[in-house]
């Protein structure tokens, strides 16, 4: 897995969710999204996104984005997360 490519894909997804309001994020709660993308180098990456409450009081939404190329990187994917609180 090319770490720069994978990091770029993770950040692209994080930025997509950063643009959403808290109310829009709430509509994604409990959903897991999986997609596959082929980048210019020809490598196919799997993107997994999870959206869930981060605390028991249901005040904060956590988005976790993981990317791997289906090889050994599937055991240790490139991952980042975003924590969003209501305004």
C-alpha atoms as a PDB file:
ATOM      1  CA  UNK A   1       0.000   0.000   0.000  1.00  0.00           C
ATOM      2  CA  UNK A   2       1.308   3.416  -0.926  1.00  0.00           C
ATOM      3  CA  UNK A   3       0.881   5.348   2.314  1.00  0.00           C
ATOM      4  CA  UNK A   4       0.645   8.731   0.603  1.00  0.00           C
ATOM      5  CA  UNK A   5      -2.110   7.513  -1.722  1.00  0.00           C
ATOM      6  CA  UNK A   6      -3.998   5.925   1.162  1.00  0.00           C
ATOM      7  CA  UNK A   7      -3.602   9.008   3.359  1.00  0.00           C
ATOM      8  CA  UNK A   8      -4.891  11.201   0.540  1.00  0.00           C
ATOM      9  CA  UNK A   9      -8.001   9.015   0.194  1.00  0.00           C
ATOM     10  CA  UNK A  10      -8.637   9.090   3.952  1.00  0.00           C
ATOM     11  CA  UNK A  11      -8.324  12.862   4.085  1.00  0.00           C
ATOM     12  CA  UNK A  12     -10.637  13.309   1.102  1.00  0.00           C
ATOM     13  CA  UNK A  13     -13.373  11.383   2.936  1.00  0.00           C
ATOM     14  CA  UNK A  14     -12.753  13.211   6.228  1.00  0.00           C
ATOM     15  CA  UNK A  15     -13.091  16.538   4.394  1.00  0.00           C
ATOM     16  CA  UNK A  16     -16.351  15.368   2.837  1.00  0.00           C
ATOM     17  CA  UNK A  17     -17.834  14.765   6.293  1.00  0.00           C
ATOM     18  CA  UNK A  18     -16.351  17.972   7.749  1.00  0.00           C
ATOM     19  CA  UNK A  19     -18.549  19.938   5.352  1.00  0.00           C
ATOM     20  CA  UNK A  20     -21.754  18.471   6.802  1.00  0.00           C
ATOM     21  CA  UNK A  21     -23.767  20.072   9.573  1.00  0.00           C
ATOM     22  CA  UNK A  22     -24.312  18.168  12.805  1.00  0.00           C
ATOM     23  CA  UNK A  23     -27.913  17.498  11.763  1.00  0.00           C
ATOM     24  CA  UNK A  24     -26.732  16.055   8.437  1.00  0.00           C
ATOM     25  CA  UNK A  25     -24.213  13.861  10.247  1.00  0.00           C
ATOM     26  CA  UNK A  26     -26.971  12.529  12.494  1.00  0.00           C
ATOM     27  CA  UNK A  27     -28.680  11.137   9.386  1.00  0.00           C
ATOM     28  CA  UNK A  28     -25.631   8.915   8.830  1.00  0.00           C
ATOM     29  CA  UNK A  29     -25.542   7.507  12.386  1.00  0.00           C
ATOM     30  CA  UNK A  30     -25.271   3.745  12.558  1.00  0.00           C
ATOM     31  CA  UNK A  31     -24.290   3.452   8.925  1.00  0.00           C
ATOM     32  CA  UNK A  32     -21.191   1.781   7.592  1.00  0.00           C
ATOM     33  CA  UNK A  33     -20.137   2.602   4.069  1.00  0.00           C
ATOM     34  CA  UNK A  34     -17.752   0.579   1.950  1.00  0.00           C
ATOM     35  CA  UNK A  35     -16.529   1.501  -1.493  1.00  0.00           C
ATOM     36  CA  UNK A  36     -13.673   0.671  -3.794  1.00  0.00           C
ATOM     37  CA  UNK A  37     -11.686   3.169  -5.814  1.00  0.00           C
ATOM     38  CA  UNK A  38      -8.889   2.770  -8.319  1.00  0.00           C
ATOM     39  CA  UNK A  39      -6.292   5.552  -8.249  1.00  0.00           C
ATOM     40  CA  UNK A  40      -4.057   6.806 -11.083  1.00  0.00           C
ATOM     41  CA  UNK A  41      -1.312   4.326 -10.156  1.00  0.00           C
ATOM     42  CA  UNK A  42      -3.729   1.484 -10.908  1.00  0.00           C
ATOM     43  CA  UNK A  43      -3.999   0.326  -7.293  1.00  0.00           C
ATOM     44  CA  UNK A  44      -7.487  -0.444  -5.988  1.00  0.00           C
ATOM     45  CA  UNK A  45      -8.254   0.687  -2.463  1.00  0.00           C
ATOM     46  CA  UNK A  46     -11.171  -0.228  -0.240  1.00  0.00           C
ATOM     47  CA  UNK A  47     -12.612   2.638   1.784  1.00  0.00           C
ATOM     48  CA  UNK A  48     -14.598   1.886   4.943  1.00  0.00           C
ATOM     49  CA  UNK A  49     -16.495   4.607   6.795  1.00  0.00           C
ATOM     50  CA  UNK A  50     -18.276   4.195  10.123  1.00  0.00           C
ATOM     51  CA  UNK A  51     -20.519   6.845  11.701  1.00  0.00           C
ATOM     52  CA  UNK A  52     -21.634   6.430  15.318  1.00  0.00           C
ATOM     53  CA  UNK A  53     -22.258   8.174  18.637  1.00  0.00           C
ATOM     54  CA  UNK A  54     -18.943   8.652  20.424  1.00  0.00           C
ATOM     55  CA  UNK A  55     -20.375   8.923  23.923  1.00  0.00           C
ATOM     56  CA  UNK A  56     -23.179   7.470  26.014  1.00  0.00           C
ATOM     57  CA  UNK A  57     -24.956  10.830  26.221  1.00  0.00           C
ATOM     58  CA  UNK A  58     -25.230  10.934  22.414  1.00  0.00           C
ATOM     59  CA  UNK A  59     -23.709  14.380  22.140  1.00  0.00           C
ATOM     60  CA  UNK A  60     -20.770  13.722  19.822  1.00  0.00           C
ATOM     61  CA  UNK A  61     -20.609  11.961  16.474  1.00  0.00           C
ATOM     62  CA  UNK A  62     -17.487  10.024  15.490  1.00  0.00           C
ATOM     63  CA  UNK A  63     -16.586   9.269  11.878  1.00  0.00           C
ATOM     64  CA  UNK A  64     -13.832   6.725  11.255  1.00  0.00           C
ATOM     65  CA  UNK A  65     -12.345   6.320   7.793  1.00  0.00           C
ATOM     66  CA  UNK A  66     -10.092   3.353   6.958  1.00  0.00           C
ATOM     67  CA  UNK A  67      -8.337   2.607   3.677  1.00  0.00           C
ATOM     68  CA  UNK A  68      -6.471  -0.519   2.584  1.00  0.00           C
ATOM     69  CA  UNK A  69      -5.404  -2.155  -0.662  1.00  0.00           C
ATOM     70  CA  UNK A  70      -6.777  -5.601   0.184  1.00  0.00           C
ATOM     71  CA  UNK A  71      -3.346  -7.083   0.865  1.00  0.00           C
ATOM     72  CA  UNK A  72      -1.573  -7.169   4.192  1.00  0.00           C
ATOM     73  CA  UNK A  73      -2.639  -3.577   4.758  1.00  0.00           C
ATOM     74  CA  UNK A  74      -6.137  -4.900   5.497  1.00  0.00           C
ATOM     75  CA  UNK A  75      -4.740  -5.943   8.899  1.00  0.00           C
ATOM     76  CA  UNK A  76      -3.439  -2.420   9.554  1.00  0.00           C
ATOM     77  CA  UNK A  77      -5.299   0.052   7.337  1.00  0.00           C
ATOM     78  CA  UNK A  78      -4.590   3.763   7.044  1.00  0.00           C
ATOM     79  CA  UNK A  79      -7.122   5.255   9.457  1.00  0.00           C
ATOM     80  CA  UNK A  80      -8.201   8.639  10.702  1.00  0.00           C
ATOM     81  CA  UNK A  81     -11.260   9.920  12.509  1.00  0.00           C
ATOM     82  CA  UNK A  82     -13.312  13.026  13.006  1.00  0.00           C
ATOM     83  CA  UNK A  83     -15.203  13.981  16.159  1.00  0.00           C
ATOM     84  CA  UNK A  84     -18.086  16.429  15.751  1.00  0.00           C
ATOM     85  CA  UNK A  85     -20.047  18.133  18.519  1.00  0.00           C
ATOM     86  CA  UNK A  86     -23.234  20.121  18.053  1.00  0.00           C
ATOM     87  CA  UNK A  87     -22.682  23.855  17.703  1.00  0.00           C
END
